[in-house]
Amino acid sequence: MAAKFAVAGDFDGDGRAEIAIAQDAVGTRGNDFWVMDFDPGTGRWSSSSFDASSAAVAAKFAVAGDFDGDGRAEIAVAQDAVGTRGE
């Protein structure tokens, strides 16, 4: 599956960064992400996915940071919507 963009951060609080990849796939709303996590103990990657919003608005870009002070990174997604100041 093609990637639109990616952002890295410690989303699960384990001290290692994961990569969240925005899917560039026909049939999605454009705000679907999959997260890849490397486990150095097994030497394998695992993946999970999430939908950034139930609204049918595509993601233009995203940033990661610990926005709520819990020690884990969150993803802030900018909408790619005509008629907004972010166009």
C-alpha atoms as a PDB file:
ATOM      1  CA  MET A   1       0.000   0.000   0.000  1.00  0.00           C
ATOM      2  CA  ALA A   2       1.310   3.436  -0.889  1.00  0.00           C
ATOM      3  CA  ALA A   3       2.164   5.951   1.817  1.00  0.00           C
ATOM      4  CA  LYS A   4       1.048   9.591   1.728  1.00  0.00           C
ATOM      5  CA  PHE A   5       3.387  10.649   4.554  1.00  0.00           C
ATOM      6  CA  ALA A   6       4.754   9.319   7.842  1.00  0.00           C
ATOM      7  CA  VAL A   7       5.468  10.620  11.326  1.00  0.00           C
ATOM      8  CA  ALA A   8       7.513   9.018  14.112  1.00  0.00           C
ATOM      9  CA  GLY A   9       6.999   9.123  17.874  1.00  0.00           C
ATOM     10  CA  ASP A  10       6.932   6.962  20.994  1.00  0.00           C
ATOM     11  CA  PHE A  11       3.190   6.268  20.821  1.00  0.00           C
ATOM     12  CA  ASP A  12       3.159   3.353  23.276  1.00  0.00           C
ATOM     13  CA  GLY A  13       5.513   4.789  25.926  1.00  0.00           C
ATOM     14  CA  ASP A  14       8.147   2.049  25.672  1.00  0.00           C
ATOM     15  CA  GLY A  15      11.035   4.477  25.068  1.00  0.00           C
ATOM     16  CA  ARG A  16      11.350   3.571  21.380  1.00  0.00           C
ATOM     17  CA  ALA A  17       9.830   5.442  18.465  1.00  0.00           C
ATOM     18  CA  GLU A  18       7.186   3.872  16.268  1.00  0.00           C
ATOM     19  CA  ILE A  19       6.302   5.078  12.789  1.00  0.00           C
ATOM     20  CA  ALA A  20       2.740   6.054  11.881  1.00  0.00           C
ATOM     21  CA  ILE A  21       2.142   5.984   8.148  1.00  0.00           C
ATOM     22  CA  ALA A  22      -0.776   7.724   6.447  1.00  0.00           C
ATOM     23  CA  GLN A  23      -2.175   5.418   3.797  1.00  0.00           C
ATOM     24  CA  ASP A  24      -2.586   6.741   0.264  1.00  0.00           C
ATOM     25  CA  ALA A  25      -5.279   4.313  -0.801  1.00  0.00           C
ATOM     26  CA  VAL A  26      -8.349   4.638  -2.987  1.00  0.00           C
ATOM     27  CA  GLY A  27     -11.527   3.969  -1.022  1.00  0.00           C
ATOM     28  CA  THR A  28     -10.297   5.452   2.254  1.00  0.00           C
ATOM     29  CA  ARG A  29     -11.172   8.845   3.641  1.00  0.00           C
ATOM     30  CA  GLY A  30      -7.488   9.750   3.524  1.00  0.00           C
ATOM     31  CA  ASN A  31      -7.104   9.754   7.309  1.00  0.00           C
ATOM     32  CA  ASP A  32      -6.307   6.089   7.882  1.00  0.00           C
ATOM     33  CA  PHE A  33      -2.939   5.292   9.477  1.00  0.00           C
ATOM     34  CA  TRP A  34      -1.001   2.144  10.178  1.00  0.00           C
ATOM     35  CA  VAL A  35       1.628   2.048  12.918  1.00  0.00           C
ATOM     36  CA  MET A  36       4.778  -0.044  12.619  1.00  0.00           C
ATOM     37  CA  ASP A  37       6.602  -1.079  15.816  1.00  0.00           C
ATOM     38  CA  PHE A  38       9.981  -2.863  15.836  1.00  0.00           C
ATOM     39  CA  ASP A  39      10.692  -5.341  18.637  1.00  0.00           C
ATOM     40  CA  PRO A  40      14.483  -5.663  19.037  1.00  0.00           C
ATOM     41  CA  GLY A  41      14.024  -8.815  21.145  1.00  0.00           C
ATOM     42  CA  THR A  42      12.419 -10.737  18.291  1.00  0.00           C
ATOM     43  CA  GLY A  43      13.874  -8.706  15.425  1.00  0.00           C
ATOM     44  CA  ARG A  44      10.384  -8.358  13.945  1.00  0.00           C
ATOM     45  CA  TRP A  45       7.992  -5.598  13.005  1.00  0.00           C
ATOM     46  CA  SER A  46       4.375  -5.600  14.118  1.00  0.00           C
ATOM     47  CA  SER A  47       1.622  -3.369  12.847  1.00  0.00           C
ATOM     48  CA  SER A  48      -1.691  -1.913  13.925  1.00  0.00           C
ATOM     49  CA  SER A  49      -3.984   0.644  12.357  1.00  0.00           C
ATOM     50  CA  PHE A  50      -6.339   3.441  13.307  1.00  0.00           C
ATOM     51  CA  ASP A  51      -8.684   5.937  11.705  1.00  0.00           C
ATOM     52  CA  ALA A  52      -7.787   9.499  12.707  1.00  0.00           C
ATOM     53  CA  SER A  53     -11.393  10.660  12.397  1.00  0.00           C
ATOM     54  CA  SER A  54     -14.834   9.349  11.560  1.00  0.00           C
ATOM     55  CA  ALA A  55     -15.307  12.452   9.391  1.00  0.00           C
ATOM     56  CA  ALA A  56     -14.656  12.031   5.688  1.00  0.00           C
ATOM     57  CA  VAL A  57     -11.776  14.512   5.709  1.00  0.00           C
ATOM     58  CA  ALA A  58      -8.349  13.595   4.407  1.00  0.00           C
ATOM     59  CA  ALA A  59      -5.157  14.251   6.345  1.00  0.00           C
ATOM     60  CA  LYS A  60      -2.806  16.812   4.816  1.00  0.00           C
ATOM     61  CA  PHE A  61       0.081  16.229   7.237  1.00  0.00           C
ATOM     62  CA  ALA A  62       0.674  15.240  10.844  1.00  0.00           C
ATOM     63  CA  VAL A  63       3.060  15.947  13.693  1.00  0.00           C
ATOM     64  CA  ALA A  64       3.850  13.887  16.782  1.00  0.00           C
ATOM     65  CA  GLY A  65       4.537  15.070  20.301  1.00  0.00           C
ATOM     66  CA  ASP A  66       3.636  14.488  23.931  1.00  0.00           C
ATOM     67  CA  PHE A  67       0.813  17.029  23.934  1.00  0.00           C
ATOM     68  CA  ASP A  68      -0.812  15.902  27.200  1.00  0.00           C
ATOM     69  CA  GLY A  69       2.287  15.153  29.329  1.00  0.00           C
ATOM     70  CA  ASP A  70       1.686  11.401  29.711  1.00  0.00           C
ATOM     71  CA  GLY A  71       5.138  10.379  28.403  1.00  0.00           C
ATOM     72  CA  ARG A  72       3.718   9.042  25.113  1.00  0.00           C
ATOM     73  CA  ALA A  73       3.496  10.791  21.773  1.00  0.00           C
ATOM     74  CA  GLU A  74       0.155  11.664  20.283  1.00  0.00           C
ATOM     75  CA  ILE A  75      -0.549  12.498  16.638  1.00  0.00           C
ATOM     76  CA  ALA A  76      -2.014  15.845  15.609  1.00  0.00           C
ATOM     77  CA  VAL A  77      -3.416  15.695  12.083  1.00  0.00           C
ATOM     78  CA  ALA A  78      -4.062  18.707   9.846  1.00  0.00           C
ATOM     79  CA  GLN A  79      -7.131  18.393   7.658  1.00  0.00           C
ATOM     80  CA  ASP A  80      -6.800  18.633   3.897  1.00  0.00           C
ATOM     81  CA  ALA A  81     -10.130  20.400   3.389  1.00  0.00           C
ATOM     82  CA  VAL A  82     -11.072  23.028   0.829  1.00  0.00           C
ATOM     83  CA  GLY A  83     -12.445  26.180   2.412  1.00  0.00           C
ATOM     84  CA  THR A  84     -10.267  26.018   5.523  1.00  0.00           C
ATOM     85  CA  ARG A  85      -7.261  28.177   6.272  1.00  0.00           C
ATOM     86  CA  GLY A  86      -5.068  25.072   5.889  1.00  0.00           C
ATOM     87  CA  GLU A  87      -5.622  24.721   2.153  1.00  0.00           C
END
